[in-house]
């Protein structure tokens, strides 16, 4: 192949790449200008993911953990996945659109933080429930959202976050005033 032919082919490939990038950029720009979630928020990119399906939670005692999640957060057994558990798989529990797959833990280290969303109108009930069960928790003002942090009965970190900052603020400020100060520097 001569140098000019190679150069011509390279230019054709380069133009093709530039054209493809322009098409992708145009698609991303059109998506970025849409409120794809219907929440007044603008999507800033492209994704293949529709939603979080479930989280794997590793626990020492599956029945105890299932009961804890039922009592504390309202999760119930999902019978659609009963066969998995019978065959040695996870015990699947669900609360609205959130699902957890409870697995028997084989190592002593707790997993990642599980973050759940909550409406501001339900924050007071959550805080009362945590206090009623004498569960230690921390309230954090992220200046955009409010979060409550605690652990489940198997030491897995839990975050319950409220994205309605304005509605959550009076509830969380009042609740924070009654909590002992937290020393993050220790």
N, C-alpha and C. Protein backbone atom coordinates (compact mmCIF):
# COMPACT_ATOMS: atom_id res chain seq x y z
N UNK A 1 0.85 -1.18 0.00
CA UNK A 1 0.00 0.00 0.00
C UNK A 1 0.89 1.23 0.00
N UNK A 2 0.60 2.17 -0.91
CA UNK A 2 1.40 3.39 -0.99
C UNK A 2 1.08 4.31 0.18
N UNK A 3 2.01 5.24 0.41
CA UNK A 3 1.82 6.20 1.51
C UNK A 3 0.55 7.01 1.31
N UNK A 4 0.26 7.42 0.09
CA UNK A 4 -0.93 8.25 -0.16
C UNK A 4 -2.22 7.45 0.08
N UNK A 5 -2.23 6.18 -0.31
CA UNK A 5 -3.41 5.34 -0.08
C UNK A 5 -3.62 5.15 1.42
N UNK A 6 -2.54 4.86 2.12
CA UNK A 6 -2.62 4.69 3.58
C UNK A 6 -3.13 5.96 4.24
N UNK A 7 -2.60 7.11 3.79
CA UNK A 7 -3.01 8.40 4.34
C UNK A 7 -4.50 8.65 4.06
N UNK A 8 -4.93 8.34 2.82
CA UNK A 8 -6.34 8.51 2.46
C UNK A 8 -7.25 7.65 3.33
N UNK A 9 -6.84 6.39 3.55
CA UNK A 9 -7.64 5.51 4.40
C UNK A 9 -7.66 6.01 5.84
N UNK A 10 -6.52 6.52 6.31
CA UNK A 10 -6.46 7.06 7.67
C UNK A 10 -7.38 8.26 7.81
N UNK A 11 -7.42 9.12 6.76
CA UNK A 11 -8.32 10.28 6.80
C UNK A 11 -9.78 9.86 6.81
N UNK A 12 -10.10 8.83 6.02
CA UNK A 12 -11.48 8.32 6.00
C UNK A 12 -11.86 7.79 7.38
N UNK A 13 -10.96 7.04 8.01
CA UNK A 13 -11.22 6.51 9.36
C UNK A 13 -11.37 7.66 10.34
N UNK A 14 -10.47 8.65 10.26
CA UNK A 14 -10.52 9.79 11.17
C UNK A 14 -11.84 10.54 11.02
N UNK A 15 -12.28 10.78 9.77
CA UNK A 15 -13.56 11.46 9.54
C UNK A 15 -14.72 10.64 10.11
N UNK A 16 -14.64 9.33 9.94
CA UNK A 16 -15.68 8.45 10.46
C UNK A 16 -15.76 8.53 11.98
N UNK A 17 -14.60 8.55 12.63
CA UNK A 17 -14.56 8.66 14.09
C UNK A 17 -15.12 10.00 14.53
N UNK A 18 -14.71 11.08 13.86
CA UNK A 18 -15.21 12.42 14.20
C UNK A 18 -16.73 12.48 14.03
N UNK A 19 -17.24 11.90 12.93
CA UNK A 19 -18.69 11.89 12.69
C UNK A 19 -19.40 11.09 13.79
N UNK A 20 -18.84 9.93 14.17
CA UNK A 20 -19.44 9.12 15.24
C UNK A 20 -19.46 9.88 16.55
N UNK A 21 -18.34 10.56 16.86
CA UNK A 21 -18.27 11.35 18.09
C UNK A 21 -19.30 12.47 18.08
N UNK A 22 -19.49 13.10 16.91
CA UNK A 22 -20.48 14.18 16.81
C UNK A 22 -21.88 13.64 17.05
N UNK A 23 -22.18 12.47 16.50
CA UNK A 23 -23.51 11.86 16.70
C UNK A 23 -23.72 11.54 18.17
N UNK A 24 -22.69 10.92 18.80
CA UNK A 24 -22.80 10.60 20.22
C UNK A 24 -22.94 11.85 21.07
N UNK A 25 -22.14 12.88 20.73
CA UNK A 25 -22.20 14.14 21.46
C UNK A 25 -23.58 14.77 21.33
N UNK A 26 -24.14 14.74 20.11
CA UNK A 26 -25.47 15.29 19.88
C UNK A 26 -26.51 14.53 20.69
N UNK A 27 -26.40 13.19 20.74
CA UNK A 27 -27.34 12.38 21.52
C UNK A 27 -27.22 12.68 23.00
N UNK A 28 -25.97 12.79 23.48
CA UNK A 28 -25.76 13.09 24.90
C UNK A 28 -26.29 14.47 25.23
N UNK A 29 -26.09 15.45 24.29
CA UNK A 29 -26.59 16.79 24.54
C UNK A 29 -28.12 16.79 24.60
N UNK A 30 -28.76 16.04 23.72
CA UNK A 30 -30.22 16.01 23.74
C UNK A 30 -30.72 15.35 25.02
N UNK A 31 -30.02 14.31 25.49
CA UNK A 31 -30.41 13.69 26.77
C UNK A 31 -30.15 14.64 27.92
N UNK A 32 -29.02 15.36 27.86
CA UNK A 32 -28.66 16.24 28.96
C UNK A 32 -29.66 17.37 29.14
N UNK A 33 -30.40 17.68 28.08
CA UNK A 33 -31.36 18.77 28.20
C UNK A 33 -32.75 18.28 28.59
N UNK A 34 -32.90 16.98 28.87
CA UNK A 34 -34.20 16.41 29.23
C UNK A 34 -34.27 16.10 30.71
N UNK A 35 -35.46 16.22 31.27
CA UNK A 35 -35.72 15.80 32.64
C UNK A 35 -36.16 14.34 32.58
N UNK A 36 -35.19 13.43 32.39
CA UNK A 36 -35.53 12.03 32.14
C UNK A 36 -36.12 11.34 33.36
N UNK A 37 -35.90 11.87 34.55
CA UNK A 37 -36.46 11.26 35.75
C UNK A 37 -37.78 11.90 36.16
N UNK A 38 -38.16 12.97 35.50
CA UNK A 38 -39.40 13.64 35.84
C UNK A 38 -39.37 14.27 37.22
N UNK A 39 -38.19 14.66 37.68
CA UNK A 39 -38.06 15.22 39.02
C UNK A 39 -37.46 16.62 38.99
N UNK A 40 -37.50 17.26 37.83
CA UNK A 40 -36.93 18.59 37.73
C UNK A 40 -35.40 18.56 37.70
N UNK A 41 -34.81 17.37 37.54
CA UNK A 41 -33.36 17.24 37.50
C UNK A 41 -32.95 16.89 36.08
N UNK A 42 -31.85 17.45 35.63
CA UNK A 42 -31.40 17.21 34.27
C UNK A 42 -30.35 16.10 34.29
N UNK A 43 -30.54 15.13 33.43
CA UNK A 43 -29.63 14.00 33.30
C UNK A 43 -28.37 14.47 32.59
N UNK A 44 -27.20 14.17 33.12
CA UNK A 44 -25.93 14.66 32.57
C UNK A 44 -25.11 13.57 31.90
N UNK A 45 -25.72 12.64 31.25
CA UNK A 45 -24.93 11.62 30.58
C UNK A 45 -25.79 10.51 30.05
N UNK A 46 -25.17 9.46 29.65
CA UNK A 46 -25.83 8.32 29.06
C UNK A 46 -25.60 7.12 29.96
N UNK A 47 -26.62 6.29 30.12
CA UNK A 47 -26.46 5.09 30.94
C UNK A 47 -27.33 3.97 30.40
N UNK A 48 -26.94 2.76 30.71
CA UNK A 48 -27.73 1.59 30.34
C UNK A 48 -28.59 1.12 31.51
N UNK A 49 -28.36 1.65 32.68
CA UNK A 49 -29.02 1.17 33.89
C UNK A 49 -30.35 1.89 34.08
N UNK A 50 -31.40 1.13 34.38
CA UNK A 50 -32.71 1.70 34.65
C UNK A 50 -32.89 2.03 36.12
N UNK A 51 -32.45 1.12 36.99
CA UNK A 51 -32.64 1.31 38.43
C UNK A 51 -31.78 0.30 39.18
N UNK A 52 -31.62 0.52 40.46
CA UNK A 52 -30.96 -0.45 41.32
C UNK A 52 -31.94 -1.60 41.54
N UNK A 53 -31.53 -2.82 41.27
CA UNK A 53 -32.42 -3.97 41.41
C UNK A 53 -32.41 -4.53 42.83
N UNK A 54 -31.23 -4.86 43.33
CA UNK A 54 -31.11 -5.40 44.68
C UNK A 54 -29.69 -5.22 45.19
N UNK A 55 -29.52 -5.41 46.48
CA UNK A 55 -28.20 -5.33 47.12
C UNK A 55 -27.95 -6.64 47.84
N UNK A 56 -26.74 -7.18 47.71
CA UNK A 56 -26.37 -8.37 48.46
C UNK A 56 -25.94 -7.93 49.86
N UNK A 57 -26.53 -8.55 50.87
CA UNK A 57 -26.20 -8.23 52.26
C UNK A 57 -25.76 -9.54 52.91
N UNK A 58 -24.56 -9.55 53.47
CA UNK A 58 -24.02 -10.75 54.08
C UNK A 58 -24.21 -10.68 55.60
N UNK A 59 -24.87 -11.69 56.14
CA UNK A 59 -25.27 -11.68 57.55
C UNK A 59 -24.90 -13.00 58.22
N UNK A 60 -24.73 -12.95 59.55
CA UNK A 60 -24.42 -14.16 60.30
C UNK A 60 -25.64 -15.06 60.47
N UNK A 61 -26.81 -14.44 60.60
CA UNK A 61 -28.04 -15.17 60.89
C UNK A 61 -29.14 -14.63 59.98
N UNK A 62 -29.45 -15.37 58.91
CA UNK A 62 -30.41 -14.91 57.90
C UNK A 62 -31.79 -14.65 58.50
N UNK A 63 -32.39 -15.59 59.28
CA UNK A 63 -33.71 -15.30 59.85
C UNK A 63 -33.72 -14.09 60.79
N UNK A 64 -32.67 -13.94 61.58
CA UNK A 64 -32.57 -12.79 62.48
C UNK A 64 -32.49 -11.50 61.69
N UNK A 65 -31.67 -11.49 60.64
CA UNK A 65 -31.52 -10.29 59.80
C UNK A 65 -32.83 -9.96 59.09
N UNK A 66 -33.51 -10.98 58.56
CA UNK A 66 -34.80 -10.74 57.87
C UNK A 66 -35.79 -10.11 58.84
N UNK A 67 -35.84 -10.61 60.05
CA UNK A 67 -36.75 -10.04 61.06
C UNK A 67 -36.34 -8.62 61.41
N UNK A 68 -35.06 -8.34 61.54
CA UNK A 68 -34.58 -7.00 61.86
C UNK A 68 -35.00 -6.02 60.76
N UNK A 69 -34.78 -6.37 59.50
CA UNK A 69 -35.16 -5.49 58.39
C UNK A 69 -36.68 -5.32 58.31
N UNK A 70 -37.44 -6.34 58.67
CA UNK A 70 -38.90 -6.22 58.70
C UNK A 70 -39.32 -5.23 59.78
N UNK A 71 -38.81 -5.44 60.97
CA UNK A 71 -39.19 -4.62 62.13
C UNK A 71 -38.72 -3.17 62.01
N UNK A 72 -37.48 -2.98 61.54
CA UNK A 72 -36.91 -1.63 61.50
C UNK A 72 -37.30 -0.83 60.26
N UNK A 73 -37.36 -1.50 59.10
CA UNK A 73 -37.54 -0.75 57.85
C UNK A 73 -38.71 -1.22 57.00
N UNK A 74 -39.45 -2.23 57.46
CA UNK A 74 -40.65 -2.65 56.75
C UNK A 74 -40.44 -3.63 55.61
N UNK A 75 -39.29 -4.29 55.53
CA UNK A 75 -39.05 -5.28 54.48
C UNK A 75 -39.86 -6.54 54.76
N UNK A 76 -40.30 -7.20 53.67
CA UNK A 76 -41.05 -8.46 53.77
C UNK A 76 -40.42 -9.46 52.81
N UNK A 77 -40.57 -10.74 53.12
CA UNK A 77 -40.08 -11.82 52.26
C UNK A 77 -40.72 -11.70 50.89
N UNK A 78 -39.92 -11.91 49.83
CA UNK A 78 -40.42 -11.87 48.47
C UNK A 78 -40.60 -13.31 47.98
N UNK A 79 -41.84 -13.82 47.97
CA UNK A 79 -42.07 -15.22 47.61
C UNK A 79 -41.68 -15.58 46.17
N UNK A 80 -41.52 -14.59 45.32
CA UNK A 80 -41.12 -14.88 43.94
C UNK A 80 -39.74 -15.55 43.88
N UNK A 81 -38.95 -15.38 44.94
CA UNK A 81 -37.60 -15.94 44.96
C UNK A 81 -37.43 -17.02 46.02
N UNK A 82 -38.51 -17.59 46.49
CA UNK A 82 -38.46 -18.62 47.54
C UNK A 82 -37.61 -19.81 47.12
N UNK A 83 -37.70 -20.21 45.87
CA UNK A 83 -36.96 -21.40 45.41
C UNK A 83 -35.46 -21.21 45.54
N UNK A 84 -34.98 -20.00 45.31
CA UNK A 84 -33.54 -19.75 45.46
C UNK A 84 -33.09 -20.10 46.86
N UNK A 85 -33.84 -19.63 47.85
CA UNK A 85 -33.45 -19.87 49.24
C UNK A 85 -33.48 -21.36 49.56
N UNK A 86 -34.51 -22.05 49.08
CA UNK A 86 -34.63 -23.49 49.31
C UNK A 86 -33.42 -24.22 48.73
N UNK A 87 -32.91 -23.72 47.61
CA UNK A 87 -31.77 -24.35 46.94
C UNK A 87 -30.42 -23.84 47.44
N UNK A 88 -30.43 -23.07 48.53
CA UNK A 88 -29.17 -22.60 49.11
C UNK A 88 -28.76 -21.20 48.69
N UNK A 89 -29.62 -20.50 47.98
CA UNK A 89 -29.32 -19.14 47.54
C UNK A 89 -29.73 -18.11 48.58
N UNK A 90 -29.86 -16.86 48.17
CA UNK A 90 -30.20 -15.79 49.11
C UNK A 90 -31.68 -15.82 49.51
N UNK A 91 -31.94 -15.22 50.65
CA UNK A 91 -33.29 -14.99 51.14
C UNK A 91 -33.63 -13.57 50.72
N UNK A 92 -34.54 -13.40 49.78
CA UNK A 92 -34.82 -12.09 49.20
C UNK A 92 -35.97 -11.42 49.95
N UNK A 93 -35.72 -10.19 50.38
CA UNK A 93 -36.74 -9.39 51.04
C UNK A 93 -36.93 -8.10 50.25
N UNK A 94 -38.12 -7.52 50.37
CA UNK A 94 -38.45 -6.34 49.57
C UNK A 94 -39.27 -5.35 50.40
N UNK A 95 -39.03 -4.06 50.11
CA UNK A 95 -39.84 -2.97 50.66
C UNK A 95 -40.01 -1.97 49.52
N UNK A 96 -41.22 -1.89 48.99
CA UNK A 96 -41.50 -1.07 47.81
C UNK A 96 -40.56 -1.52 46.68
N UNK A 97 -39.79 -0.60 46.10
CA UNK A 97 -38.91 -0.96 44.98
C UNK A 97 -37.54 -1.45 45.43
N UNK A 98 -37.25 -1.40 46.73
CA UNK A 98 -35.94 -1.82 47.24
C UNK A 98 -35.95 -3.30 47.58
N UNK A 99 -34.93 -4.01 47.13
CA UNK A 99 -34.82 -5.44 47.44
C UNK A 99 -33.43 -5.74 47.99
N UNK A 100 -33.39 -6.62 48.97
CA UNK A 100 -32.14 -7.08 49.55
C UNK A 100 -32.08 -8.59 49.40
N UNK A 101 -30.91 -9.10 49.03
CA UNK A 101 -30.68 -10.53 48.99
C UNK A 101 -29.79 -10.86 50.18
N UNK A 102 -30.37 -11.51 51.18
CA UNK A 102 -29.62 -11.84 52.40
C UNK A 102 -28.87 -13.15 52.19
N UNK A 103 -27.55 -13.09 52.31
CA UNK A 103 -26.69 -14.25 52.16
C UNK A 103 -26.05 -14.59 53.50
N UNK A 104 -25.82 -15.86 53.72
CA UNK A 104 -25.08 -16.28 54.91
C UNK A 104 -23.65 -15.78 54.77
N UNK A 105 -23.16 -15.03 55.75
CA UNK A 105 -21.81 -14.47 55.69
C UNK A 105 -20.79 -15.57 55.94
N UNK A 106 -19.74 -15.58 55.11
CA UNK A 106 -18.67 -16.54 55.30
C UNK A 106 -17.39 -15.88 55.79
N UNK A 107 -17.32 -14.56 55.74
CA UNK A 107 -16.17 -13.84 56.29
C UNK A 107 -16.69 -12.85 57.32
N UNK A 108 -15.84 -12.48 58.27
CA UNK A 108 -16.32 -11.62 59.37
C UNK A 108 -16.52 -10.16 59.02
N UNK A 109 -16.07 -9.71 57.85
CA UNK A 109 -16.14 -8.28 57.53
C UNK A 109 -17.51 -7.88 56.98
N UNK A 110 -18.15 -6.86 57.58
CA UNK A 110 -19.42 -6.35 57.03
C UNK A 110 -19.21 -5.79 55.62
N UNK A 111 -20.30 -5.75 54.87
CA UNK A 111 -20.25 -5.29 53.49
C UNK A 111 -20.28 -3.77 53.37
N UNK A 112 -20.61 -3.31 52.18
CA UNK A 112 -20.70 -1.89 51.88
C UNK A 112 -21.92 -1.26 52.52
N UNK A 113 -21.94 0.06 52.56
CA UNK A 113 -23.10 0.78 53.07
C UNK A 113 -24.27 0.59 52.12
N UNK A 114 -25.44 0.32 52.70
CA UNK A 114 -26.67 0.22 51.93
C UNK A 114 -27.41 1.53 52.16
N UNK A 115 -27.72 2.25 51.09
CA UNK A 115 -28.39 3.54 51.22
C UNK A 115 -29.82 3.43 50.68
N UNK A 116 -30.77 3.80 51.52
CA UNK A 116 -32.18 3.79 51.15
C UNK A 116 -32.68 5.22 51.08
N UNK A 117 -33.67 5.45 50.24
CA UNK A 117 -34.31 6.77 50.15
C UNK A 117 -35.54 6.77 51.05
N UNK A 118 -35.85 7.94 51.61
CA UNK A 118 -37.02 8.10 52.46
C UNK A 118 -37.64 9.46 52.18
N UNK A 119 -38.95 9.55 52.30
CA UNK A 119 -39.64 10.83 52.17
C UNK A 119 -39.53 11.57 53.49
N UNK A 120 -39.50 12.88 53.42
CA UNK A 120 -39.37 13.70 54.63
C UNK A 120 -40.49 13.41 55.62
N UNK A 121 -41.68 13.11 55.14
CA UNK A 121 -42.81 12.85 56.03
C UNK A 121 -42.63 11.58 56.86
N UNK A 122 -41.68 10.73 56.48
CA UNK A 122 -41.46 9.48 57.23
C UNK A 122 -40.24 9.54 58.14
N UNK A 123 -39.49 10.62 58.11
CA UNK A 123 -38.27 10.72 58.91
C UNK A 123 -38.53 10.59 60.41
N UNK A 124 -39.55 11.27 60.89
CA UNK A 124 -39.84 11.24 62.32
C UNK A 124 -40.13 9.81 62.79
N UNK A 125 -40.88 9.06 62.00
CA UNK A 125 -41.20 7.67 62.35
C UNK A 125 -39.92 6.84 62.39
N UNK A 126 -39.03 7.02 61.42
CA UNK A 126 -37.76 6.30 61.40
C UNK A 126 -36.95 6.61 62.66
N UNK A 127 -36.81 7.90 62.97
CA UNK A 127 -36.01 8.29 64.13
C UNK A 127 -36.61 7.76 65.43
N UNK A 128 -37.93 7.79 65.53
CA UNK A 128 -38.60 7.23 66.72
C UNK A 128 -38.36 5.73 66.83
N UNK A 129 -38.42 5.04 65.70
CA UNK A 129 -38.21 3.58 65.69
C UNK A 129 -36.78 3.25 66.11
N UNK A 130 -35.81 4.00 65.60
CA UNK A 130 -34.42 3.75 65.97
C UNK A 130 -34.22 3.98 67.47
N UNK A 131 -34.79 5.06 67.99
CA UNK A 131 -34.68 5.35 69.43
C UNK A 131 -35.40 4.29 70.26
N UNK A 132 -36.57 3.88 69.82
CA UNK A 132 -37.35 2.87 70.54
C UNK A 132 -36.57 1.57 70.69
N UNK A 133 -35.82 1.21 69.66
CA UNK A 133 -35.02 -0.02 69.69
C UNK A 133 -33.60 0.23 70.20
N UNK A 134 -33.37 1.44 70.73
CA UNK A 134 -32.07 1.82 71.30
C UNK A 134 -30.92 1.57 70.33
N UNK A 135 -31.15 1.90 69.09
CA UNK A 135 -30.16 1.73 68.06
C UNK A 135 -29.39 3.04 67.88
N UNK A 136 -28.09 3.00 68.03
CA UNK A 136 -27.27 4.20 67.86
C UNK A 136 -27.34 4.67 66.40
N UNK A 137 -27.48 5.97 66.21
CA UNK A 137 -27.52 6.52 64.87
C UNK A 137 -26.92 7.91 64.87
N UNK A 138 -26.55 8.33 63.67
CA UNK A 138 -25.98 9.66 63.47
C UNK A 138 -26.78 10.36 62.38
N UNK A 139 -27.06 11.63 62.59
CA UNK A 139 -27.74 12.44 61.58
C UNK A 139 -26.70 13.35 60.94
N UNK A 140 -26.69 13.39 59.60
CA UNK A 140 -25.71 14.21 58.89
C UNK A 140 -26.43 15.12 57.89
N UNK A 141 -26.10 16.40 57.98
CA UNK A 141 -26.60 17.40 57.03
C UNK A 141 -25.57 17.51 55.92
N UNK A 142 -25.93 17.05 54.72
CA UNK A 142 -25.02 17.11 53.57
C UNK A 142 -25.19 18.41 52.78
N UNK A 143 -25.98 19.34 53.30
CA UNK A 143 -26.25 20.63 52.66
C UNK A 143 -27.04 20.52 51.36
N UNK A 144 -27.39 19.32 50.96
CA UNK A 144 -28.22 19.09 49.78
C UNK A 144 -29.24 18.01 50.11
N UNK A 145 -28.83 17.09 50.97
CA UNK A 145 -29.68 16.02 51.47
C UNK A 145 -29.41 15.84 52.96
N UNK A 146 -30.29 15.13 53.63
CA UNK A 146 -30.09 14.73 55.03
C UNK A 146 -29.98 13.22 55.06
N UNK A 147 -29.09 12.69 55.92
CA UNK A 147 -28.95 11.25 56.05
C UNK A 147 -28.93 10.84 57.51
N UNK A 148 -29.43 9.63 57.74
CA UNK A 148 -29.35 8.99 59.05
C UNK A 148 -28.51 7.74 58.85
N UNK A 149 -27.45 7.59 59.66
CA UNK A 149 -26.54 6.45 59.55
C UNK A 149 -26.67 5.58 60.79
N UNK A 150 -26.72 4.25 60.57
CA UNK A 150 -26.74 3.28 61.66
C UNK A 150 -26.29 1.95 61.09
N UNK A 151 -26.28 0.91 61.88
CA UNK A 151 -25.89 -0.41 61.38
C UNK A 151 -27.02 -1.40 61.63
N UNK A 152 -27.05 -2.44 60.79
CA UNK A 152 -28.04 -3.49 61.00
C UNK A 152 -27.56 -4.43 62.10
N UNK A 153 -28.30 -5.48 62.35
CA UNK A 153 -27.97 -6.40 63.45
C UNK A 153 -26.71 -7.21 63.18
N UNK A 154 -26.15 -7.12 61.97
CA UNK A 154 -24.93 -7.84 61.61
C UNK A 154 -23.78 -6.88 61.30
N UNK A 155 -23.89 -5.64 61.75
CA UNK A 155 -22.87 -4.59 61.62
C UNK A 155 -22.70 -4.06 60.21
N UNK A 156 -23.65 -4.32 59.30
CA UNK A 156 -23.60 -3.72 57.97
C UNK A 156 -24.05 -2.26 58.07
N UNK A 157 -23.27 -1.34 57.52
CA UNK A 157 -23.66 0.08 57.59
C UNK A 157 -24.91 0.37 56.74
N UNK A 158 -25.82 1.17 57.31
CA UNK A 158 -27.06 1.57 56.65
C UNK A 158 -27.09 3.10 56.60
N UNK A 159 -27.53 3.62 55.47
CA UNK A 159 -27.80 5.06 55.33
C UNK A 159 -29.24 5.19 54.84
N UNK A 160 -30.00 6.04 55.49
CA UNK A 160 -31.33 6.38 54.99
C UNK A 160 -31.27 7.87 54.69
N UNK A 161 -31.49 8.20 53.42
CA UNK A 161 -31.28 9.58 52.98
C UNK A 161 -32.56 10.20 52.46
N UNK A 162 -32.74 11.48 52.73
CA UNK A 162 -33.89 12.23 52.25
C UNK A 162 -33.39 13.31 51.31
N UNK A 163 -33.85 13.27 50.08
CA UNK A 163 -33.42 14.24 49.07
C UNK A 163 -34.24 15.52 49.07
N UNK A 164 -35.33 15.54 49.83
CA UNK A 164 -36.15 16.75 49.95
C UNK A 164 -35.59 17.57 51.11
N UNK A 165 -34.50 18.26 50.83
CA UNK A 165 -33.74 18.98 51.86
C UNK A 165 -34.60 19.99 52.62
N UNK A 166 -35.38 20.75 51.89
CA UNK A 166 -36.19 21.80 52.52
C UNK A 166 -37.20 21.22 53.50
N UNK A 167 -37.89 20.16 53.12
CA UNK A 167 -38.90 19.56 54.00
C UNK A 167 -38.25 18.80 55.16
N UNK A 168 -37.08 18.23 54.94
CA UNK A 168 -36.41 17.44 55.97
C UNK A 168 -35.72 18.31 57.02
N UNK A 169 -35.29 19.50 56.65
CA UNK A 169 -34.47 20.31 57.55
C UNK A 169 -35.09 20.56 58.92
N UNK A 170 -36.34 21.02 59.04
CA UNK A 170 -36.86 21.26 60.40
C UNK A 170 -36.92 19.97 61.25
N UNK A 171 -37.24 18.86 60.62
CA UNK A 171 -37.32 17.59 61.34
C UNK A 171 -35.95 17.17 61.83
N UNK A 172 -34.98 17.26 60.95
CA UNK A 172 -33.64 16.80 61.28
C UNK A 172 -32.91 17.75 62.24
N UNK A 173 -33.15 19.03 62.10
CA UNK A 173 -32.54 19.99 63.04
C UNK A 173 -33.08 19.73 64.45
N UNK A 174 -34.39 19.53 64.57
CA UNK A 174 -34.99 19.24 65.88
C UNK A 174 -34.44 17.93 66.44
N UNK A 175 -34.33 16.91 65.61
CA UNK A 175 -33.81 15.62 66.07
C UNK A 175 -32.34 15.73 66.45
N UNK A 176 -31.57 16.49 65.68
CA UNK A 176 -30.14 16.64 65.96
C UNK A 176 -29.90 17.36 67.28
N UNK A 177 -30.78 18.28 67.63
CA UNK A 177 -30.61 19.04 68.88
C UNK A 177 -30.70 18.14 70.10
N UNK A 178 -31.41 17.02 69.98
CA UNK A 178 -31.56 16.13 71.13
C UNK A 178 -30.52 15.02 71.18
N UNK A 179 -29.61 14.98 70.19
CA UNK A 179 -28.56 13.95 70.16
C UNK A 179 -27.28 14.46 70.78
N UNK A 180 -26.48 13.56 71.38
CA UNK A 180 -25.17 13.99 71.88
C UNK A 180 -24.28 14.36 70.70
N UNK A 181 -23.33 15.29 70.90
CA UNK A 181 -22.45 15.68 69.80
C UNK A 181 -21.58 14.50 69.34
N UNK A 182 -21.25 14.50 68.06
CA UNK A 182 -20.40 13.45 67.51
C UNK A 182 -19.02 14.04 67.26
N UNK A 183 -17.98 13.33 67.71
CA UNK A 183 -16.61 13.77 67.50
C UNK A 183 -16.04 12.99 66.33
N UNK A 184 -16.00 13.61 65.14
CA UNK A 184 -15.50 12.95 63.94
C UNK A 184 -13.98 12.91 63.91
N UNK A 185 -13.33 13.71 64.71
CA UNK A 185 -11.87 13.77 64.71
C UNK A 185 -11.22 12.67 65.51
N UNK A 186 -11.98 11.90 66.26
CA UNK A 186 -11.39 10.86 67.12
C UNK A 186 -10.99 9.65 66.33
